[in-house]
C-alpha atoms as a PDB file:
ATOM      1  CA  MET A   1     -26.688  -7.861  -2.807  1.00  0.00           C
ATOM      2  CA  THR A   2     -23.204  -8.022  -1.350  1.00  0.00           C
ATOM      3  CA  ILE A   3     -21.101  -4.903  -1.109  1.00  0.00           C
ATOM      4  CA  ALA A   4     -17.419  -5.273  -1.943  1.00  0.00           C
ATOM      5  CA  LEU A   5     -14.503  -3.745  -0.098  1.00  0.00           C
ATOM      6  CA  THR A   6     -12.922  -1.074  -2.302  1.00  0.00           C
ATOM      7  CA  ASN A   7      -9.553  -0.854  -0.530  1.00  0.00           C
ATOM      8  CA  THR A   8      -7.339  -3.891  -1.097  1.00  0.00           C
ATOM      9  CA  HIS A   9      -4.854  -3.172   1.701  1.00  0.00           C
ATOM     10  CA  PRO A  10      -4.228  -6.475   3.560  1.00  0.00           C
ATOM     11  CA  ARG A  11      -5.177  -4.971   6.928  1.00  0.00           C
ATOM     12  CA  LEU A  12      -8.604  -3.880   5.690  1.00  0.00           C
ATOM     13  CA  VAL A  13      -9.204  -7.102   3.784  1.00  0.00           C
ATOM     14  CA  ARG A  14      -8.469  -9.038   6.987  1.00  0.00           C
ATOM     15  CA  GLU A  15     -10.814  -6.811   8.984  1.00  0.00           C
ATOM     16  CA  ALA A  16     -13.587  -7.360   6.422  1.00  0.00           C
ATOM     17  CA  ARG A  17     -13.004 -11.146   6.604  1.00  0.00           C
ATOM     18  CA  THR A  18     -13.119 -10.994  10.400  1.00  0.00           C
ATOM     19  CA  ILE A  19     -16.424  -9.145  10.568  1.00  0.00           C
ATOM     20  CA  GLU A  20     -17.923 -11.375   7.873  1.00  0.00           C
ATOM     21  CA  SER A  21     -16.862 -14.496   9.784  1.00  0.00           C
ATOM     22  CA  MET A  22     -18.323 -13.158  13.020  1.00  0.00           C
ATOM     23  CA  ILE A  23     -21.632 -12.322  11.387  1.00  0.00           C
ATOM     24  CA  GLN A  24     -21.753 -15.763   9.716  1.00  0.00           C
ATOM     25  CA  ILE A  25     -21.201 -17.534  13.035  1.00  0.00           C
ATOM     26  CA  TYR A  26     -23.866 -15.394  14.680  1.00  0.00           C
ATOM     27  CA  CYS A  27     -26.400 -15.883  11.892  1.00  0.00           C
ATOM     28  CA  HIS A  28     -25.877 -19.646  11.594  1.00  0.00           C
ATOM     29  CA  ARG A  29     -26.188 -20.222  15.323  1.00  0.00           C
ATOM     30  CA  LYS A  30     -28.846 -17.638  16.246  1.00  0.00           C
ATOM     31  CA  HIS A  31     -31.013 -17.618  13.120  1.00  0.00           C
ATOM     32  CA  GLY A  32     -30.462 -21.204  11.970  1.00  0.00           C
ATOM     33  CA  THR A  33     -29.305 -20.389   8.444  1.00  0.00           C
ATOM     34  CA  ARG A  34     -27.323 -23.107   6.681  1.00  0.00           C
ATOM     35  CA  LYS A  35     -26.001 -21.273   3.630  1.00  0.00           C
ATOM     36  CA  GLY A  36     -25.600 -17.558   3.316  1.00  0.00           C
ATOM     37  CA  LEU A  37     -27.047 -15.034   5.733  1.00  0.00           C
ATOM     38  CA  CYS A  38     -30.552 -13.999   6.667  1.00  0.00           C
ATOM     39  CA  ALA A  39     -31.703 -10.598   5.395  1.00  0.00           C
ATOM     40  CA  GLU A  40     -31.059  -8.898   8.754  1.00  0.00           C
ATOM     41  CA  CYS A  41     -27.485 -10.192   9.020  1.00  0.00           C
ATOM     42  CA  GLN A  42     -26.769  -9.449   5.352  1.00  0.00           C
ATOM     43  CA  GLU A  43     -27.901  -5.867   5.964  1.00  0.00           C
ATOM     44  CA  LEU A  44     -25.520  -5.630   8.939  1.00  0.00           C
ATOM     45  CA  LEU A  45     -22.610  -7.047   6.915  1.00  0.00           C
ATOM     46  CA  ASP A  46     -23.270  -4.655   4.026  1.00  0.00           C
ATOM     47  CA  TYR A  47     -23.434  -1.747   6.467  1.00  0.00           C
ATOM     48  CA  ALA A  48     -20.145  -2.780   8.111  1.00  0.00           C
ATOM     49  CA  ILE A  49     -18.379  -3.017   4.727  1.00  0.00           C
ATOM     50  CA  VAL A  50     -19.687   0.418   3.689  1.00  0.00           C
ATOM     51  CA  ARG A  51     -18.429   1.900   6.965  1.00  0.00           C
ATOM     52  CA  LEU A  52     -15.057   0.182   6.471  1.00  0.00           C
ATOM     53  CA  ASN A  53     -14.843   1.606   2.947  1.00  0.00           C
ATOM     54  CA  LYS A  54     -15.599   5.102   4.254  1.00  0.00           C
ATOM     55  CA  CYS A  55     -13.302   4.975   7.286  1.00  0.00           C
ATOM     56  CA  PRO A  56     -11.187   8.150   7.274  1.00  0.00           C
ATOM     57  CA  PHE A  57      -8.195   6.293   8.763  1.00  0.00           C
ATOM     58  CA  GLN A  58      -8.140   3.359   6.288  1.00  0.00           C
ATOM     59  CA  GLU A  59      -4.911   1.327   6.740  1.00  0.00           C
ATOM     60  CA  GLU A  60      -3.994   3.182   9.929  1.00  0.00           C
ATOM     61  CA  LYS A  61      -7.283   2.474  11.679  1.00  0.00           C
ATOM     62  CA  SER A  62      -7.596   0.877  15.085  1.00  0.00           C
ATOM     63  CA  THR A  63     -10.376  -1.504  15.955  1.00  0.00           C
ATOM     64  CA  CYS A  64     -13.698   0.313  15.926  1.00  0.00           C
ATOM     65  CA  ALA A  65     -14.024  -0.107  19.706  1.00  0.00           C
ATOM     66  CA  ASN A  66     -10.832   1.943  20.193  1.00  0.00           C
ATOM     67  CA  CYS A  67     -11.636   4.546  17.560  1.00  0.00           C
ATOM     68  CA  LYS A  68     -12.270   8.121  18.604  1.00  0.00           C
ATOM     69  CA  VAL A  69     -14.623   8.643  15.627  1.00  0.00           C
ATOM     70  CA  HIS A  70     -17.713   6.434  15.837  1.00  0.00           C
ATOM     71  CA  CYS A  71     -19.147   6.201  12.351  1.00  0.00           C
ATOM     72  CA  TYR A  72     -21.751   3.499  13.040  1.00  0.00           C
ATOM     73  CA  ARG A  73     -25.322   4.578  13.722  1.00  0.00           C
ATOM     74  CA  PRO A  74     -26.230   3.801  17.359  1.00  0.00           C
ATOM     75  CA  ASP A  75     -28.636   0.978  16.419  1.00  0.00           C
ATOM     76  CA  MET A  76     -26.099  -0.690  14.117  1.00  0.00           C
ATOM     77  CA  ARG A  77     -23.363  -0.204  16.677  1.00  0.00           C
ATOM     78  CA  GLU A  78     -25.416  -2.106  19.233  1.00  0.00           C
ATOM     79  CA  ARG A  79     -26.158  -4.881  16.734  1.00  0.00           C
ATOM     80  CA  ILE A  80     -22.492  -5.315  15.845  1.00  0.00           C
ATOM     81  CA  ARG A  81     -21.604  -5.399  19.553  1.00  0.00           C
ATOM     82  CA  ASP A  82     -24.126  -8.197  20.070  1.00  0.00           C
ATOM     83  CA  VAL A  83     -22.646 -10.122  17.160  1.00  0.00           C
ATOM     84  CA  MET A  84     -19.094  -9.702  18.445  1.00  0.00           C
ATOM     85  CA  ARG A  85     -20.019 -10.602  22.008  1.00  0.00           C
ATOM     86  CA  TYR A  86     -21.732 -13.780  20.869  1.00  0.00           C
ATOM     87  CA  SER A  87     -19.368 -14.952  18.140  1.00  0.00           C
ATOM     88  CA  GLY A  88     -16.062 -13.881  19.726  1.00  0.00           C
ATOM     89  CA  PRO A  89     -15.516 -17.103  21.680  1.00  0.00           C
ATOM     90  CA  PHE A  90     -16.389 -19.220  18.629  1.00  0.00           C
ATOM     91  CA  MET A  91     -13.848 -17.298  16.540  1.00  0.00           C
ATOM     92  CA  LEU A  92     -11.027 -18.789  18.622  1.00  0.00           C
ATOM     93  CA  TYR A  93     -11.958 -22.245  17.342  1.00  0.00           C
ATOM     94  CA  ARG A  94     -13.311 -21.504  13.874  1.00  0.00           C
ATOM     95  CA  HIS A  95     -10.868 -18.779  12.777  1.00  0.00           C
ATOM     96  CA  PRO A  96      -7.943 -18.679  15.229  1.00  0.00           C
ATOM     97  CA  TYR A  97      -5.715 -16.516  13.007  1.00  0.00           C
ATOM     98  CA  LEU A  98      -8.387 -13.851  12.498  1.00  0.00           C
ATOM     99  CA  ALA A  99      -9.244 -13.908  16.208  1.00  0.00           C
ATOM    100  CA  PHE A 100      -5.596 -13.553  17.218  1.00  0.00           C
ATOM    101  CA  MET A 101      -4.948 -10.696  14.811  1.00  0.00           C
ATOM    102  CA  HIS A 102      -8.113  -8.880  15.893  1.00  0.00           C
ATOM    103  CA  LEU A 103      -7.613  -9.322  19.635  1.00  0.00           C
ATOM    104  CA  VAL A 104      -3.868  -8.995  19.982  1.00  0.00           C
ATOM    105  CA  VAL A 105      -2.455  -7.097  17.018  1.00  0.00           C
ATOM    106  CA  ASP A 106      -5.255  -4.772  15.869  1.00  0.00           C
ATOM    107  CA  ASP A 107      -6.638  -4.047  19.330  1.00  0.00           C
ATOM    108  CA  ARG A 108      -3.286  -2.594  20.419  1.00  0.00           C
ATOM    109  CA  ARG A 109      -3.512   0.169  17.842  1.00  0.00           C
ATOM    110  CA  GLU A 110      -4.457   3.444  19.392  1.00  0.00           C
ATOM    111  CA  GLY A 111      -7.473   5.272  18.119  1.00  0.00           C
ATOM    112  CA  LYS A 112      -6.553   8.397  16.233  1.00  0.00           C
ATOM    113  CA  GLU A 113      -8.464  11.618  16.027  1.00  0.00           C
ATOM    114  CA  LEU A 114      -9.285  13.366  12.827  1.00  0.00           C
ATOM    115  CA  PRO A 115      -7.138  16.432  12.222  1.00  0.00           C
ATOM    116  CA  VAL A 116      -8.889  19.717  12.906  1.00  0.00           C
ATOM    117  CA  ARG A 117      -9.812  21.470   9.719  1.00  0.00           C
ATOM    118  CA  ARG A 118      -9.047  25.136   9.867  1.00  0.00           C
ATOM    119  CA  ARG A 119     -10.958  27.568   7.766  1.00  0.00           C
ATOM    120  CA  THR A 120      -8.887  29.634   5.435  1.00  0.00           C
ATOM    121  CA  PRO A 121      -9.442  33.380   5.715  1.00  0.00           C
ATOM    122  CA  GLU A 122     -11.317  34.755   2.757  1.00  0.00           C
END
């Protein structure tokens, strides 16, 4: 089961393509899959897309590493870090445009904080 991105803004579509490419590189090289992803990597990709869909910043978001709101569970956050650490260097050769946009353009965005919700007096 593959989860689809609900927001069609080009920035979020590119981010979804980037994370999918990184997970594919990781899975193919670490788990030896030829087509598709193993169950563990598919679960991670689905989780990442769900988190991207639910991001409160949407088009204005920074990279997750620079975000002030960490919406990944700690175990998934560590898994995605491992994937990015491993597949990052390969991205420069396999997907240079996505790597450039992620490292140079998106990484320069500052992480925003959620606005404080004030309770209305009753």
